[in-house]
Amino acid sequence: MSTADIPEKTKRFFYHPVCCVCRDLLGILIGCAVFAFGANTLIAAHQLLPGGLTGICTLLYRLTGVSVGTLYFVLNIPLLILGYLQIGKKFICYTIYAVVCISIFLNVIPQEQLWTHNILLGAVFGGFIASMGTGFVLRVGGSTGGTDILGRIAVKYFQIPMGVFGLCINALIVVASSYFGNPELGMYTIISMYIGARTVDLVLNHIDRITVTIISKKGEDVAEAITKSVVRRGVTIWNASGAYTHQDKQVLMCVIVKHQWSETKKIVLATDPEAFITVAPIKRIVGNFKETW
């Protein structure tokens, strides 16, 4: 084995499908732990409500006494079945794994004020930390379940942005929080949810769209892998020739949402570890381009 062979074999190992799945599962596990930690020790500990289904479960816990983790797991079952029928299998498999992890962490991590007794700090940092965990899970192609699944379906069939869908759900949670509890807590909940929404945007960068240009000897294979993967973006191909090597190659151009970059890179390098990839930001798109989040 020559020294020149080492980088290519390392790439093939690093981007092997099994290795990619293991990294994704580890990322989801860490993201779920971070989410549950922020939700329990900073948000719920100050009698605030997290966004989405976790917030609904927290409210039901205060009314019924059934643990948040148990409620979260049970209420996710019909949503997961619906998601399996309407969305990709990989997304649902990762989401099931995330739901199980979150359910366990929500039951294990105590709802105690471990960091601060200041409710404003709890709202700000709780929203930030919990949403950082959510963002990690979303970035690897899964979700934390609950309203994220409904949001994906809303995007797919009704072109309703997930941000708008989540805002409507969270508005109902805030109203319920104010009705059953202190209206002042509802105001702090709004702060927490706003910080959380901005944090998810920061992690996903889903507003930004980018052009990915790929130069590869396996252009057709790379294009097929991209179009049939969870990325599901169109690809334009044209033939080219290396100026120095004079070898025939293909140039591929694909426009994606920025949070899809990680998955796209995995797909390309798993198909052709020697591919040359460049990424450029886009200011405006005219034509058919659908946001996925």
C-alpha atoms as a PDB file:
ATOM      1  CA  MET A   1       0.000   0.000   0.000  1.00  0.00           C
ATOM      2  CA  SER A   2       1.466   3.325  -1.066  1.00  0.00           C
ATOM      3  CA  THR A   3       1.154   6.602   0.794  1.00  0.00           C
ATOM      4  CA  ALA A   4      -0.946   7.983  -2.044  1.00  0.00           C
ATOM      5  CA  ASP A   5      -3.587   5.342  -1.376  1.00  0.00           C
ATOM      6  CA  ILE A   6      -4.151   6.348   2.249  1.00  0.00           C
ATOM      7  CA  PRO A   7      -6.261   9.520   1.756  1.00  0.00           C
ATOM      8  CA  GLU A   8      -8.636   7.800  -0.682  1.00  0.00           C
ATOM      9  CA  LYS A   9      -9.148   4.785   1.559  1.00  0.00           C
ATOM     10  CA  THR A  10      -9.618   7.033   4.554  1.00  0.00           C
ATOM     11  CA  LYS A  11     -12.281   8.945   2.663  1.00  0.00           C
ATOM     12  CA  ARG A  12     -14.006   5.742   1.624  1.00  0.00           C
ATOM     13  CA  PHE A  13     -14.077   4.557   5.229  1.00  0.00           C
ATOM     14  CA  PHE A  14     -15.197   7.918   6.607  1.00  0.00           C
ATOM     15  CA  TYR A  15     -18.027   8.229   4.086  1.00  0.00           C
ATOM     16  CA  HIS A  16     -19.013   4.559   4.122  1.00  0.00           C
ATOM     17  CA  PRO A  17     -22.808   4.312   4.620  1.00  0.00           C
ATOM     18  CA  VAL A  18     -22.420   2.469   7.937  1.00  0.00           C
ATOM     19  CA  CYS A  19     -19.983   5.073   9.234  1.00  0.00           C
ATOM     20  CA  CYS A  20     -22.315   7.881   8.119  1.00  0.00           C
ATOM     21  CA  VAL A  21     -25.273   6.298   9.918  1.00  0.00           C
ATOM     22  CA  CYS A  22     -23.222   5.864  13.109  1.00  0.00           C
ATOM     23  CA  ARG A  23     -22.223   9.538  13.019  1.00  0.00           C
ATOM     24  CA  ASP A  24     -25.829  10.551  12.430  1.00  0.00           C
ATOM     25  CA  LEU A  25     -27.084   8.438  15.336  1.00  0.00           C
ATOM     26  CA  LEU A  26     -24.428   9.890  17.629  1.00  0.00           C
ATOM     27  CA  GLY A  27     -25.385  13.404  16.539  1.00  0.00           C
ATOM     28  CA  ILE A  28     -29.058  12.692  17.218  1.00  0.00           C
ATOM     29  CA  LEU A  29     -28.234  11.258  20.653  1.00  0.00           C
ATOM     30  CA  ILE A  30     -26.241  14.364  21.600  1.00  0.00           C
ATOM     31  CA  GLY A  31     -28.899  16.676  20.170  1.00  0.00           C
ATOM     32  CA  CYS A  32     -31.665  14.927  22.130  1.00  0.00           C
ATOM     33  CA  ALA A  33     -29.669  15.137  25.364  1.00  0.00           C
ATOM     34  CA  VAL A  34     -29.031  18.853  24.832  1.00  0.00           C
ATOM     35  CA  PHE A  35     -32.698  19.456  24.002  1.00  0.00           C
ATOM     36  CA  ALA A  36     -33.995  17.602  27.073  1.00  0.00           C
ATOM     37  CA  PHE A  37     -31.462  19.309  29.326  1.00  0.00           C
ATOM     38  CA  GLY A  38     -32.526  22.781  28.198  1.00  0.00           C
ATOM     39  CA  ALA A  39     -36.223  21.910  28.262  1.00  0.00           C
ATOM     40  CA  ASN A  40     -36.187  20.421  31.780  1.00  0.00           C
ATOM     41  CA  THR A  41     -33.573  22.399  33.737  1.00  0.00           C
ATOM     42  CA  LEU A  42     -34.140  25.858  32.266  1.00  0.00           C
ATOM     43  CA  ILE A  43     -37.623  26.016  30.738  1.00  0.00           C
ATOM     44  CA  ALA A  44     -39.879  23.599  32.634  1.00  0.00           C
ATOM     45  CA  ALA A  45     -38.007  24.237  35.893  1.00  0.00           C
ATOM     46  CA  HIS A  46     -39.199  27.867  35.751  1.00  0.00           C
ATOM     47  CA  GLN A  47     -42.787  26.788  34.961  1.00  0.00           C
ATOM     48  CA  LEU A  48     -42.380  27.863  31.324  1.00  0.00           C
ATOM     49  CA  LEU A  49     -43.428  25.744  28.347  1.00  0.00           C
ATOM     50  CA  PRO A  50     -41.190  24.549  25.506  1.00  0.00           C
ATOM     51  CA  GLY A  51     -42.496  24.822  21.976  1.00  0.00           C
ATOM     52  CA  GLY A  52     -44.201  22.097  19.971  1.00  0.00           C
ATOM     53  CA  LEU A  53     -45.352  18.763  21.329  1.00  0.00           C
ATOM     54  CA  THR A  54     -42.978  18.973  24.295  1.00  0.00           C
ATOM     55  CA  GLY A  55     -44.823  22.081  25.445  1.00  0.00           C
ATOM     56  CA  ILE A  56     -48.169  20.323  25.086  1.00  0.00           C
ATOM     57  CA  CYS A  57     -46.849  17.352  27.090  1.00  0.00           C
ATOM     58  CA  THR A  58     -45.488  19.661  29.789  1.00  0.00           C
ATOM     59  CA  LEU A  59     -48.894  21.319  30.082  1.00  0.00           C
ATOM     60  CA  LEU A  60     -50.626  17.923  30.284  1.00  0.00           C
ATOM     61  CA  TYR A  61     -48.119  16.818  32.931  1.00  0.00           C
ATOM     62  CA  ARG A  62     -49.121  19.756  35.124  1.00  0.00           C
ATOM     63  CA  LEU A  63     -52.784  18.850  34.669  1.00  0.00           C
ATOM     64  CA  THR A  64     -52.578  15.043  34.953  1.00  0.00           C
ATOM     65  CA  GLY A  65     -49.294  14.200  36.687  1.00  0.00           C
ATOM     66  CA  VAL A  66     -48.238  11.773  33.923  1.00  0.00           C
ATOM     67  CA  SER A  67     -44.529  12.197  33.163  1.00  0.00           C
ATOM     68  CA  VAL A  68     -43.534  14.344  30.193  1.00  0.00           C
ATOM     69  CA  GLY A  69     -41.388  11.583  28.689  1.00  0.00           C
ATOM     70  CA  THR A  70     -44.237   9.073  28.743  1.00  0.00           C
ATOM     71  CA  LEU A  71     -46.723  11.525  27.235  1.00  0.00           C
ATOM     72  CA  TYR A  72     -44.197  12.524  24.584  1.00  0.00           C
ATOM     73  CA  PHE A  73     -43.642   8.920  23.533  1.00  0.00           C
ATOM     74  CA  VAL A  74     -47.351   7.998  23.453  1.00  0.00           C
ATOM     75  CA  LEU A  75     -48.501  11.098  21.549  1.00  0.00           C
ATOM     76  CA  ASN A  76     -45.766  10.618  18.977  1.00  0.00           C
ATOM     77  CA  ILE A  77     -46.942   7.130  17.976  1.00  0.00           C
ATOM     78  CA  PRO A  78     -49.806   8.241  15.646  1.00  0.00           C
ATOM     79  CA  LEU A  79     -47.645  11.069  14.288  1.00  0.00           C
ATOM     80  CA  LEU A  80     -44.833   8.641  13.470  1.00  0.00           C
ATOM     81  CA  ILE A  81     -47.261   6.341  11.648  1.00  0.00           C
ATOM     82  CA  LEU A  82     -48.549   9.312   9.656  1.00  0.00           C
ATOM     83  CA  GLY A  83     -45.006  10.434   8.918  1.00  0.00           C
ATOM     84  CA  TYR A  84     -43.992   6.960   7.756  1.00  0.00           C
ATOM     85  CA  LEU A  85     -46.810   7.002   5.220  1.00  0.00           C
ATOM     86  CA  GLN A  86     -46.100  10.522   3.975  1.00  0.00           C
ATOM     87  CA  ILE A  87     -42.344  11.148   4.359  1.00  0.00           C
ATOM     88  CA  GLY A  88     -39.120   9.249   3.651  1.00  0.00           C
ATOM     89  CA  LYS A  89     -38.200   6.116   5.592  1.00  0.00           C
ATOM     90  CA  LYS A  90     -34.811   7.455   6.680  1.00  0.00           C
ATOM     91  CA  PHE A  91     -36.432  10.560   8.165  1.00  0.00           C
ATOM     92  CA  ILE A  92     -38.913   8.471  10.134  1.00  0.00           C
ATOM     93  CA  CYS A  93     -36.306   5.941  11.314  1.00  0.00           C
ATOM     94  CA  TYR A  94     -34.118   8.749  12.618  1.00  0.00           C
ATOM     95  CA  THR A  95     -37.164  10.447  14.145  1.00  0.00           C
ATOM     96  CA  ILE A  96     -38.246   7.253  15.956  1.00  0.00           C
ATOM     97  CA  TYR A  97     -34.744   6.978  17.385  1.00  0.00           C
ATOM     98  CA  ALA A  98     -34.860  10.643  18.442  1.00  0.00           C
ATOM     99  CA  VAL A  99     -38.292  10.270  20.058  1.00  0.00           C
ATOM    100  CA  VAL A 100     -37.095   7.295  22.119  1.00  0.00           C
ATOM    101  CA  CYS A 101     -33.958   9.188  23.187  1.00  0.00           C
ATOM    102  CA  ILE A 102     -35.873  12.337  24.118  1.00  0.00           C
ATOM    103  CA  SER A 103     -38.512  10.361  26.026  1.00  0.00           C
ATOM    104  CA  ILE A 104     -35.777   8.728  28.111  1.00  0.00           C
ATOM    105  CA  PHE A 105     -33.860  11.961  28.702  1.00  0.00           C
ATOM    106  CA  LEU A 106     -37.021  13.869  29.668  1.00  0.00           C
ATOM    107  CA  ASN A 107     -37.759  11.236  32.322  1.00  0.00           C
ATOM    108  CA  VAL A 108     -34.169  11.003  33.581  1.00  0.00           C
ATOM    109  CA  ILE A 109     -33.198  14.690  33.704  1.00  0.00           C
ATOM    110  CA  PRO A 110     -34.937  16.399  36.665  1.00  0.00           C
ATOM    111  CA  GLN A 111     -37.058  19.508  36.230  1.00  0.00           C
ATOM    112  CA  GLU A 112     -34.928  21.474  38.661  1.00  0.00           C
ATOM    113  CA  GLN A 113     -33.282  24.886  38.497  1.00  0.00           C
ATOM    114  CA  LEU A 114     -29.703  23.670  38.231  1.00  0.00           C
ATOM    115  CA  TRP A 115     -28.187  26.754  36.603  1.00  0.00           C
ATOM    116  CA  THR A 116     -30.135  29.840  37.608  1.00  0.00           C
ATOM    117  CA  HIS A 117     -33.142  30.936  39.622  1.00  0.00           C
ATOM    118  CA  ASN A 118     -33.694  33.936  37.341  1.00  0.00           C
ATOM    119  CA  ILE A 119     -36.740  33.271  35.173  1.00  0.00           C
ATOM    120  CA  LEU A 120     -35.589  35.603  32.376  1.00  0.00           C
ATOM    121  CA  LEU A 121     -32.233  33.842  32.113  1.00  0.00           C
ATOM    122  CA  GLY A 122     -34.079  30.521  32.140  1.00  0.00           C
ATOM    123  CA  ALA A 123     -36.296  31.656  29.260  1.00  0.00           C
ATOM    124  CA  VAL A 124     -33.401  32.991  27.165  1.00  0.00           C
ATOM    125  CA  PHE A 125     -30.868  30.219  27.694  1.00  0.00           C
ATOM    126  CA  GLY A 126     -33.501  27.484  27.875  1.00  0.00           C
ATOM    127  CA  GLY A 127     -34.857  28.457  24.466  1.00  0.00           C
ATOM    128  CA  PHE A 128     -31.326  28.689  23.094  1.00  0.00           C
ATOM    129  CA  ILE A 129     -30.025  25.361  24.451  1.00  0.00           C
ATOM    130  CA  ALA A 130     -33.162  23.311  23.709  1.00  0.00           C
ATOM    131  CA  SER A 131     -33.307  24.618  20.147  1.00  0.00           C
ATOM    132  CA  MET A 132     -29.612  23.955  19.625  1.00  0.00           C
ATOM    133  CA  GLY A 133     -30.398  20.310  20.353  1.00  0.00           C
ATOM    134  CA  THR A 134     -33.340  20.370  17.948  1.00  0.00           C
ATOM    135  CA  GLY A 135     -31.142  21.916  15.274  1.00  0.00           C
ATOM    136  CA  PHE A 136     -28.530  19.170  15.635  1.00  0.00           C
ATOM    137  CA  VAL A 137     -31.179  16.507  15.083  1.00  0.00           C
ATOM    138  CA  LEU A 138     -32.651  18.299  12.067  1.00  0.00           C
ATOM    139  CA  ARG A 139     -29.246  18.784  10.465  1.00  0.00           C
ATOM    140  CA  VAL A 140     -28.590  15.057  10.208  1.00  0.00           C
ATOM    141  CA  GLY A 141     -31.939  14.425   8.522  1.00  0.00           C
ATOM    142  CA  GLY A 142     -34.171  13.511  11.445  1.00  0.00           C
ATOM    143  CA  SER A 143     -36.468  15.445  13.741  1.00  0.00           C
ATOM    144  CA  THR A 144     -37.524  15.528  17.367  1.00  0.00           C
ATOM    145  CA  GLY A 145     -40.955  14.235  16.377  1.00  0.00           C
ATOM    146  CA  GLY A 146     -44.242  15.868  17.282  1.00  0.00           C
ATOM    147  CA  THR A 147     -45.078  19.018  15.370  1.00  0.00           C
ATOM    148  CA  ASP A 148     -41.906  18.701  13.263  1.00  0.00           C
ATOM    149  CA  ILE A 149     -43.553  15.756  11.487  1.00  0.00           C
ATOM    150  CA  LEU A 150     -46.759  17.700  10.906  1.00  0.00           C
ATOM    151  CA  GLY A 151     -44.653  20.640   9.731  1.00  0.00           C
ATOM    152  CA  ARG A 152     -42.877  18.494   7.138  1.00  0.00           C
ATOM    153  CA  ILE A 153     -46.242  17.263   5.857  1.00  0.00           C
ATOM    154  CA  ALA A 154     -47.538  20.854   5.733  1.00  0.00           C
ATOM    155  CA  VAL A 155     -44.528  21.854   3.634  1.00  0.00           C
ATOM    156  CA  LYS A 156     -44.896  18.861   1.318  1.00  0.00           C
ATOM    157  CA  TYR A 157     -48.600  19.185   0.537  1.00  0.00           C
ATOM    158  CA  PHE A 158     -49.607  22.756   1.346  1.00  0.00           C
ATOM    159  CA  GLN A 159     -46.331  24.693   0.921  1.00  0.00           C
ATOM    160  CA  ILE A 160     -46.818  26.156   4.401  1.00  0.00           C
ATOM    161  CA  PRO A 161     -43.384  27.149   5.777  1.00  0.00           C
ATOM    162  CA  MET A 162     -42.427  25.210   8.891  1.00  0.00           C
ATOM    163  CA  GLY A 163     -41.726  28.470  10.682  1.00  0.00           C
ATOM    164  CA  VAL A 164     -45.314  29.652  10.141  1.00  0.00           C
ATOM    165  CA  PHE A 165     -46.732  26.264  11.127  1.00  0.00           C
ATOM    166  CA  GLY A 166     -44.632  26.154  14.284  1.00  0.00           C
ATOM    167  CA  LEU A 167     -45.607  29.716  15.139  1.00  0.00           C
ATOM    168  CA  CYS A 168     -49.307  28.811  15.037  1.00  0.00           C
ATOM    169  CA  ILE A 169     -48.800  25.764  17.279  1.00  0.00           C
ATOM    170  CA  ASN A 170     -46.677  27.716  19.737  1.00  0.00           C
ATOM    171  CA  ALA A 171     -49.220  30.550  19.835  1.00  0.00           C
ATOM    172  CA  LEU A 172     -51.848  28.054  21.016  1.00  0.00           C
ATOM    173  CA  ILE A 173     -49.434  26.757  23.653  1.00  0.00           C
ATOM    174  CA  VAL A 174     -48.821  30.280  24.951  1.00  0.00           C
ATOM    175  CA  VAL A 175     -52.575  30.958  25.134  1.00  0.00           C
ATOM    176  CA  ALA A 176     -53.087  27.713  27.075  1.00  0.00           C
ATOM    177  CA  SER A 177     -50.150  28.543  29.336  1.00  0.00           C
ATOM    178  CA  SER A 178     -51.627  31.943  30.134  1.00  0.00           C
ATOM    179  CA  TYR A 179     -55.094  30.484  30.711  1.00  0.00           C
ATOM    180  CA  PHE A 180     -54.058  27.683  33.071  1.00  0.00           C
ATOM    181  CA  GLY A 181     -51.266  29.589  34.754  1.00  0.00           C
ATOM    182  CA  ASN A 182     -49.814  33.030  35.241  1.00  0.00           C
ATOM    183  CA  PRO A 183     -50.113  35.336  32.174  1.00  0.00           C
ATOM    184  CA  GLU A 184     -46.689  36.671  33.098  1.00  0.00           C
ATOM    185  CA  LEU A 185     -45.268  33.188  32.573  1.00  0.00           C
ATOM    186  CA  GLY A 186     -46.870  33.219  29.134  1.00  0.00           C
ATOM    187  CA  MET A 187     -44.881  36.351  28.305  1.00  0.00           C
ATOM    188  CA  TYR A 188     -41.645  34.694  29.374  1.00  0.00           C
ATOM    189  CA  THR A 189     -42.650  31.658  27.310  1.00  0.00           C
ATOM    190  CA  ILE A 190     -42.925  33.907  24.247  1.00  0.00           C
ATOM    191  CA  ILE A 191     -39.364  35.106  24.869  1.00  0.00           C
ATOM    192  CA  SER A 192     -38.150  31.518  25.149  1.00  0.00           C
ATOM    193  CA  MET A 193     -39.933  30.447  21.971  1.00  0.00           C
ATOM    194  CA  TYR A 194     -38.644  33.434  20.007  1.00  0.00           C
ATOM    195  CA  ILE A 195     -35.063  32.740  21.081  1.00  0.00           C
ATOM    196  CA  GLY A 196     -35.606  29.086  20.188  1.00  0.00           C
ATOM    197  CA  ALA A 197     -36.936  29.870  16.711  1.00  0.00           C
ATOM    198  CA  ARG A 198     -33.987  32.168  15.977  1.00  0.00           C
ATOM    199  CA  THR A 199     -31.573  29.512  17.231  1.00  0.00           C
ATOM    200  CA  VAL A 200     -33.006  26.810  14.972  1.00  0.00           C
ATOM    201  CA  ASP A 201     -32.668  29.231  12.055  1.00  0.00           C
ATOM    202  CA  LEU A 202     -29.055  29.813  13.047  1.00  0.00           C
ATOM    203  CA  VAL A 203     -28.271  26.097  13.206  1.00  0.00           C
ATOM    204  CA  LEU A 204     -30.094  25.139  10.015  1.00  0.00           C
ATOM    205  CA  ASN A 205     -29.488  28.279   7.955  1.00  0.00           C
ATOM    206  CA  HIS A 206     -32.542  27.104   6.044  1.00  0.00           C
ATOM    207  CA  ILE A 207     -33.210  30.531   4.525  1.00  0.00           C
ATOM    208  CA  ASP A 208     -29.888  30.497   2.680  1.00  0.00           C
ATOM    209  CA  ARG A 209     -29.714  28.692  -0.632  1.00  0.00           C
ATOM    210  CA  ILE A 210     -26.464  27.639  -2.214  1.00  0.00           C
ATOM    211  CA  THR A 211     -25.174  26.340  -5.525  1.00  0.00           C
ATOM    212  CA  VAL A 212     -23.138  23.152  -5.339  1.00  0.00           C
ATOM    213  CA  THR A 213     -20.859  22.521  -8.314  1.00  0.00           C
ATOM    214  CA  ILE A 214     -19.352  19.047  -8.595  1.00  0.00           C
ATOM    215  CA  ILE A 215     -16.656  17.834 -10.984  1.00  0.00           C
ATOM    216  CA  SER A 216     -16.586  14.056 -11.164  1.00  0.00           C
ATOM    217  CA  LYS A 217     -15.726  11.108 -13.387  1.00  0.00           C
ATOM    218  CA  LYS A 218     -18.923   9.473 -12.126  1.00  0.00           C
ATOM    219  CA  GLY A 219     -21.307  12.302 -12.917  1.00  0.00           C
ATOM    220  CA  GLU A 220     -24.304  10.137 -13.785  1.00  0.00           C
ATOM    221  CA  ASP A 221     -23.945   8.084 -10.601  1.00  0.00           C
ATOM    222  CA  VAL A 222     -23.570  11.197  -8.436  1.00  0.00           C
ATOM    223  CA  ALA A 223     -26.606  12.856 -10.046  1.00  0.00           C
ATOM    224  CA  GLU A 224     -28.732   9.755  -9.526  1.00  0.00           C
ATOM    225  CA  ALA A 225     -27.626   9.496  -5.894  1.00  0.00           C
ATOM    226  CA  ILE A 226     -28.601  13.126  -5.225  1.00  0.00           C
ATOM    227  CA  THR A 227     -31.978  13.008  -6.963  1.00  0.00           C
ATOM    228  CA  LYS A 228     -33.005   9.746  -5.278  1.00  0.00           C
ATOM    229  CA  SER A 229     -31.756  10.629  -1.791  1.00  0.00           C
ATOM    230  CA  VAL A 230     -33.474  12.593   0.964  1.00  0.00           C
ATOM    231  CA  VAL A 231     -32.033  15.746  -0.646  1.00  0.00           C
ATOM    232  CA  ARG A 232     -34.248  15.227  -3.718  1.00  0.00           C
ATOM    233  CA  ARG A 233     -32.933  18.131  -5.774  1.00  0.00           C
ATOM    234  CA  GLY A 234     -32.626  18.438  -9.518  1.00  0.00           C
ATOM    235  CA  VAL A 235     -29.157  18.255 -11.036  1.00  0.00           C
ATOM    236  CA  THR A 236     -27.837  19.713 -14.293  1.00  0.00           C
ATOM    237  CA  ILE A 237     -24.959  17.879 -15.997  1.00  0.00           C
ATOM    238  CA  TRP A 238     -22.607  18.900 -18.780  1.00  0.00           C
ATOM    239  CA  ASN A 239     -19.520  17.221 -20.156  1.00  0.00           C
ATOM    240  CA  ALA A 240     -16.065  18.671 -19.576  1.00  0.00           C
ATOM    241  CA  SER A 241     -12.398  17.840 -19.960  1.00  0.00           C
ATOM    242  CA  GLY A 242      -9.499  18.471 -17.596  1.00  0.00           C
ATOM    243  CA  ALA A 243      -7.140  21.106 -19.028  1.00  0.00           C
ATOM    244  CA  TYR A 244      -4.089  19.395 -17.537  1.00  0.00           C
ATOM    245  CA  THR A 245      -5.038  15.718 -17.605  1.00  0.00           C
ATOM    246  CA  HIS A 246      -7.347  15.877 -20.668  1.00  0.00           C
ATOM    247  CA  GLN A 247      -9.546  13.315 -18.926  1.00  0.00           C
ATOM    248  CA  ASP A 248     -13.266  13.326 -19.642  1.00  0.00           C
ATOM    249  CA  LYS A 249     -15.354  14.408 -16.675  1.00  0.00           C
ATOM    250  CA  GLN A 250     -18.818  15.714 -15.898  1.00  0.00           C
ATOM    251  CA  VAL A 251     -19.723  18.992 -14.234  1.00  0.00           C
ATOM    252  CA  LEU A 252     -22.859  18.900 -12.090  1.00  0.00           C
ATOM    253  CA  MET A 253     -24.748  21.879 -10.725  1.00  0.00           C
ATOM    254  CA  CYS A 254     -27.335  21.587  -7.975  1.00  0.00           C
ATOM    255  CA  VAL A 255     -29.170  24.247  -5.947  1.00  0.00           C
ATOM    256  CA  ILE A 256     -29.967  23.225  -2.384  1.00  0.00           C
ATOM    257  CA  VAL A 257     -31.034  24.718   0.923  1.00  0.00           C
ATOM    258  CA  LYS A 258     -27.974  25.326   3.073  1.00  0.00           C
ATOM    259  CA  HIS A 259     -28.903  22.837   5.785  1.00  0.00           C
ATOM    260  CA  GLN A 260     -28.886  20.118   3.090  1.00  0.00           C
ATOM    261  CA  TRP A 261     -25.180  20.690   2.417  1.00  0.00           C
ATOM    262  CA  SER A 262     -23.987  18.145   4.978  1.00  0.00           C
ATOM    263  CA  GLU A 263     -26.165  15.370   3.525  1.00  0.00           C
ATOM    264  CA  THR A 264     -25.275  16.342  -0.057  1.00  0.00           C
ATOM    265  CA  LYS A 265     -21.552  16.202   0.687  1.00  0.00           C
ATOM    266  CA  LYS A 266     -21.934  12.743   2.227  1.00  0.00           C
ATOM    267  CA  ILE A 267     -23.796  11.482  -0.835  1.00  0.00           C
ATOM    268  CA  VAL A 268     -21.287  12.896  -3.327  1.00  0.00           C
ATOM    269  CA  LEU A 269     -18.166  11.640  -1.556  1.00  0.00           C
ATOM    270  CA  ALA A 270     -19.721   8.250  -0.848  1.00  0.00           C
ATOM    271  CA  THR A 271     -20.352   7.890  -4.589  1.00  0.00           C
ATOM    272  CA  ASP A 272     -17.056   9.421  -5.745  1.00  0.00           C
ATOM    273  CA  PRO A 273     -14.425  10.110  -3.054  1.00  0.00           C
ATOM    274  CA  GLU A 274     -12.298  11.917  -5.675  1.00  0.00           C
ATOM    275  CA  ALA A 275     -15.022  14.420  -6.592  1.00  0.00           C
ATOM    276  CA  PHE A 276     -14.129  18.126  -6.612  1.00  0.00           C
ATOM    277  CA  ILE A 277     -16.836  20.254  -4.987  1.00  0.00           C
ATOM    278  CA  THR A 278     -17.354  24.005  -4.747  1.00  0.00           C
ATOM    279  CA  VAL A 279     -20.137  25.857  -2.927  1.00  0.00           C
ATOM    280  CA  ALA A 280     -21.386  29.382  -3.629  1.00  0.00           C
ATOM    281  CA  PRO A 281     -24.175  31.456  -2.033  1.00  0.00           C
ATOM    282  CA  ILE A 282     -27.250  32.505  -4.026  1.00  0.00           C
ATOM    283  CA  LYS A 283     -28.957  35.878  -3.732  1.00  0.00           C
ATOM    284  CA  ARG A 284     -32.038  35.196  -5.830  1.00  0.00           C
ATOM    285  CA  ILE A 285     -33.734  32.314  -7.661  1.00  0.00           C
ATOM    286  CA  VAL A 286     -36.211  32.660 -10.527  1.00  0.00           C
ATOM    287  CA  GLY A 287     -37.970  29.407 -11.355  1.00  0.00           C
ATOM    288  CA  ASN A 288     -39.189  26.270  -9.649  1.00  0.00           C
ATOM    289  CA  PHE A 289     -37.451  25.823  -6.316  1.00  0.00           C
ATOM    290  CA  LYS A 290     -39.201  24.466  -3.235  1.00  0.00           C
ATOM    291  CA  GLU A 291     -38.030  25.074   0.305  1.00  0.00           C
ATOM    292  CA  THR A 292     -37.929  21.935   2.439  1.00  0.00           C
ATOM    293  CA  TRP A 293     -38.074  23.639   5.863  1.00  0.00           C
END
